[in-house]
Amino acid sequence: MNDRIKRIYIPMTETSFYILFSLQEEMHGYSIGTLVEEITGGDISISPGTMYGSLSKMEKDGLINFIREEENRKIYKISELGKLILHKEIKRIERLYKNSKGVNLSE
């Protein structure tokens, strides 16, 4: 992984995280948006502009691969580089969570 990609994607925005997370299975943009809203209980909603801009950038950067087109919808899946970035981000989040345990915020 080159340093430029690492600098761009780590730490990752929630939008990027959920797009990569969703693309562990083949999906198109609308399906990704629906899944993200579902798994976040509606807390995160990705607008079409953000979704398609992110997909285009991630494809250009090699984090996702275009698989095929169905009914004018582009289907994508996470690439090996994308899996590596997602794994690093999950480890970073786990470390944040672990380090925050036991912190008393009521003081």
C-alpha atoms as a PDB file:
ATOM      1  CA  MET A   1       0.000   0.000   0.000  1.00  0.00           C
ATOM      2  CA  ASN A   2       1.457   3.353  -0.918  1.00  0.00           C
ATOM      3  CA  ASP A   3       1.670   6.234   1.535  1.00  0.00           C
ATOM      4  CA  ARG A   4      -0.649   8.451  -0.526  1.00  0.00           C
ATOM      5  CA  ILE A   5      -3.523   5.958  -0.274  1.00  0.00           C
ATOM      6  CA  LYS A   6      -2.856   5.462   3.429  1.00  0.00           C
ATOM      7  CA  ARG A   7      -2.888   9.244   4.051  1.00  0.00           C
ATOM      8  CA  ILE A   8      -6.135   9.668   2.129  1.00  0.00           C
ATOM      9  CA  TYR A   9      -8.094   6.829   3.714  1.00  0.00           C
ATOM     10  CA  ILE A  10      -6.771   6.429   7.273  1.00  0.00           C
ATOM     11  CA  PRO A  11      -8.452   7.643   9.370  1.00  0.00           C
ATOM     12  CA  MET A  12     -11.478   6.931   7.258  1.00  0.00           C
ATOM     13  CA  THR A  13     -14.716   8.886   7.104  1.00  0.00           C
ATOM     14  CA  GLU A  14     -17.813   6.991   8.197  1.00  0.00           C
ATOM     15  CA  THR A  15     -19.099   7.196   4.627  1.00  0.00           C
ATOM     16  CA  SER A  16     -15.962   5.590   3.200  1.00  0.00           C
ATOM     17  CA  PHE A  17     -15.948   2.990   5.955  1.00  0.00           C
ATOM     18  CA  TYR A  18     -19.523   1.923   5.340  1.00  0.00           C
ATOM     19  CA  ILE A  19     -19.102   1.881   1.554  1.00  0.00           C
ATOM     20  CA  LEU A  20     -16.057  -0.405   1.798  1.00  0.00           C
ATOM     21  CA  PHE A  21     -17.719  -2.488   4.503  1.00  0.00           C
ATOM     22  CA  SER A  22     -20.811  -2.949   2.314  1.00  0.00           C
ATOM     23  CA  LEU A  23     -18.756  -3.926  -0.713  1.00  0.00           C
ATOM     24  CA  GLN A  24     -17.580  -7.145   0.852  1.00  0.00           C
ATOM     25  CA  GLU A  25     -20.498  -8.329  -1.305  1.00  0.00           C
ATOM     26  CA  GLU A  26     -21.150  -7.166  -4.873  1.00  0.00           C
ATOM     27  CA  MET A  27     -23.469  -4.142  -4.814  1.00  0.00           C
ATOM     28  CA  HIS A  28     -24.492  -0.999  -6.631  1.00  0.00           C
ATOM     29  CA  GLY A  29     -24.748   2.458  -5.077  1.00  0.00           C
ATOM     30  CA  TYR A  30     -28.439   2.383  -4.216  1.00  0.00           C
ATOM     31  CA  SER A  31     -28.072  -0.992  -2.448  1.00  0.00           C
ATOM     32  CA  ILE A  32     -25.097   0.315  -0.483  1.00  0.00           C
ATOM     33  CA  GLY A  33     -27.106   3.319   0.683  1.00  0.00           C
ATOM     34  CA  THR A  34     -30.020   1.123   1.724  1.00  0.00           C
ATOM     35  CA  LEU A  35     -27.757  -1.277   3.636  1.00  0.00           C
ATOM     36  CA  VAL A  36     -25.919   1.552   5.417  1.00  0.00           C
ATOM     37  CA  GLU A  37     -29.185   3.112   6.587  1.00  0.00           C
ATOM     38  CA  GLU A  38     -30.366  -0.290   7.771  1.00  0.00           C
ATOM     39  CA  ILE A  39     -27.241  -1.278   9.729  1.00  0.00           C
ATOM     40  CA  THR A  40     -26.851   2.174  11.307  1.00  0.00           C
ATOM     41  CA  GLY A  41     -30.500   2.401  12.335  1.00  0.00           C
ATOM     42  CA  GLY A  42     -30.926   5.399  10.048  1.00  0.00           C
ATOM     43  CA  ASP A  43     -28.128   7.372  11.714  1.00  0.00           C
ATOM     44  CA  ILE A  44     -26.124   7.493   8.490  1.00  0.00           C
ATOM     45  CA  SER A  45     -27.642   8.334   5.143  1.00  0.00           C
ATOM     46  CA  ILE A  46     -25.360   8.716   2.125  1.00  0.00           C
ATOM     47  CA  SER A  47     -26.598  11.186  -0.477  1.00  0.00           C
ATOM     48  CA  PRO A  48     -26.385  10.141  -4.137  1.00  0.00           C
ATOM     49  CA  GLY A  49     -23.741  12.792  -4.872  1.00  0.00           C
ATOM     50  CA  THR A  50     -21.547  11.601  -2.010  1.00  0.00           C
ATOM     51  CA  MET A  51     -22.129   7.945  -2.885  1.00  0.00           C
ATOM     52  CA  TYR A  52     -21.229   8.189  -6.554  1.00  0.00           C
ATOM     53  CA  GLY A  53     -18.341  10.585  -5.946  1.00  0.00           C
ATOM     54  CA  SER A  54     -16.926   8.187  -3.339  1.00  0.00           C
ATOM     55  CA  LEU A  55     -17.389   5.132  -5.562  1.00  0.00           C
ATOM     56  CA  SER A  56     -15.646   6.876  -8.446  1.00  0.00           C
ATOM     57  CA  LYS A  57     -12.710   7.963  -6.260  1.00  0.00           C
ATOM     58  CA  MET A  58     -12.384   4.550  -4.598  1.00  0.00           C
ATOM     59  CA  GLU A  59     -12.399   2.829  -7.982  1.00  0.00           C
ATOM     60  CA  LYS A  60      -9.747   5.222  -9.306  1.00  0.00           C
ATOM     61  CA  ASP A  61      -7.633   4.632  -6.161  1.00  0.00           C
ATOM     62  CA  GLY A  62      -7.971   0.845  -6.502  1.00  0.00           C
ATOM     63  CA  LEU A  63     -10.002   0.186  -3.331  1.00  0.00           C
ATOM     64  CA  ILE A  64     -12.966  -1.213  -5.237  1.00  0.00           C
ATOM     65  CA  ASN A  65     -13.414  -2.930  -8.567  1.00  0.00           C
ATOM     66  CA  PHE A  66     -16.147  -2.451 -11.146  1.00  0.00           C
ATOM     67  CA  ILE A  67     -17.638  -5.910 -11.678  1.00  0.00           C
ATOM     68  CA  ARG A  68     -20.402  -5.424 -14.249  1.00  0.00           C
ATOM     69  CA  GLU A  69     -23.392  -3.302 -15.169  1.00  0.00           C
ATOM     70  CA  GLU A  70     -26.973  -4.442 -14.614  1.00  0.00           C
ATOM     71  CA  GLU A  71     -29.967  -2.351 -15.660  1.00  0.00           C
ATOM     72  CA  ASN A  72     -27.801   0.788 -15.928  1.00  0.00           C
ATOM     73  CA  ARG A  73     -26.386   0.219 -12.428  1.00  0.00           C
ATOM     74  CA  LYS A  74     -22.677  -0.334 -11.875  1.00  0.00           C
ATOM     75  CA  ILE A  75     -21.907  -3.241  -9.555  1.00  0.00           C
ATOM     76  CA  TYR A  76     -18.750  -2.968  -7.432  1.00  0.00           C
ATOM     77  CA  LYS A  77     -16.828  -5.141  -4.970  1.00  0.00           C
ATOM     78  CA  ILE A  78     -13.985  -4.372  -2.584  1.00  0.00           C
ATOM     79  CA  SER A  79     -10.490  -5.071  -3.946  1.00  0.00           C
ATOM     80  CA  GLU A  80      -7.566  -6.628  -2.084  1.00  0.00           C
ATOM     81  CA  LEU A  81      -6.200  -3.114  -1.417  1.00  0.00           C
ATOM     82  CA  GLY A  82      -9.626  -2.073  -0.144  1.00  0.00           C
ATOM     83  CA  LYS A  83      -9.695  -5.083   2.195  1.00  0.00           C
ATOM     84  CA  LEU A  84      -6.290  -4.103   3.558  1.00  0.00           C
ATOM     85  CA  ILE A  85      -7.412  -0.500   4.149  1.00  0.00           C
ATOM     86  CA  LEU A  86     -10.684  -1.650   5.756  1.00  0.00           C
ATOM     87  CA  HIS A  87      -8.792  -4.059   8.031  1.00  0.00           C
ATOM     88  CA  LYS A  88      -6.389  -1.297   9.124  1.00  0.00           C
ATOM     89  CA  GLU A  89      -9.309   1.015   9.855  1.00  0.00           C
ATOM     90  CA  ILE A  90     -11.138  -1.642  11.879  1.00  0.00           C
ATOM     91  CA  LYS A  91      -7.964  -2.238  13.912  1.00  0.00           C
ATOM     92  CA  ARG A  92      -7.671   1.533  14.492  1.00  0.00           C
ATOM     93  CA  ILE A  93     -11.292   1.718  15.683  1.00  0.00           C
ATOM     94  CA  GLU A  94     -10.796  -1.317  17.937  1.00  0.00           C
ATOM     95  CA  ARG A  95      -7.742   0.375  19.484  1.00  0.00           C
ATOM     96  CA  LEU A  96      -9.745   3.565  20.093  1.00  0.00           C
ATOM     97  CA  TYR A  97     -12.504   1.569  21.731  1.00  0.00           C
ATOM     98  CA  LYS A  98     -10.087  -0.432  23.882  1.00  0.00           C
ATOM     99  CA  ASN A  99      -8.276   2.705  25.008  1.00  0.00           C
ATOM    100  CA  SER A 100     -11.525   4.443  25.876  1.00  0.00           C
ATOM    101  CA  LYS A 101     -12.823   1.668  28.153  1.00  0.00           C
ATOM    102  CA  GLY A 102     -12.918   2.668  31.779  1.00  0.00           C
ATOM    103  CA  VAL A 103     -12.911   6.399  31.055  1.00  0.00           C
ATOM    104  CA  ASN A 104     -15.340   8.176  33.361  1.00  0.00           C
ATOM    105  CA  LEU A 105     -16.999  10.954  31.368  1.00  0.00           C
ATOM    106  CA  SER A 106     -19.322  12.047  34.156  1.00  0.00           C
ATOM    107  CA  GLU A 107     -16.672  14.123  35.931  1.00  0.00           C
END
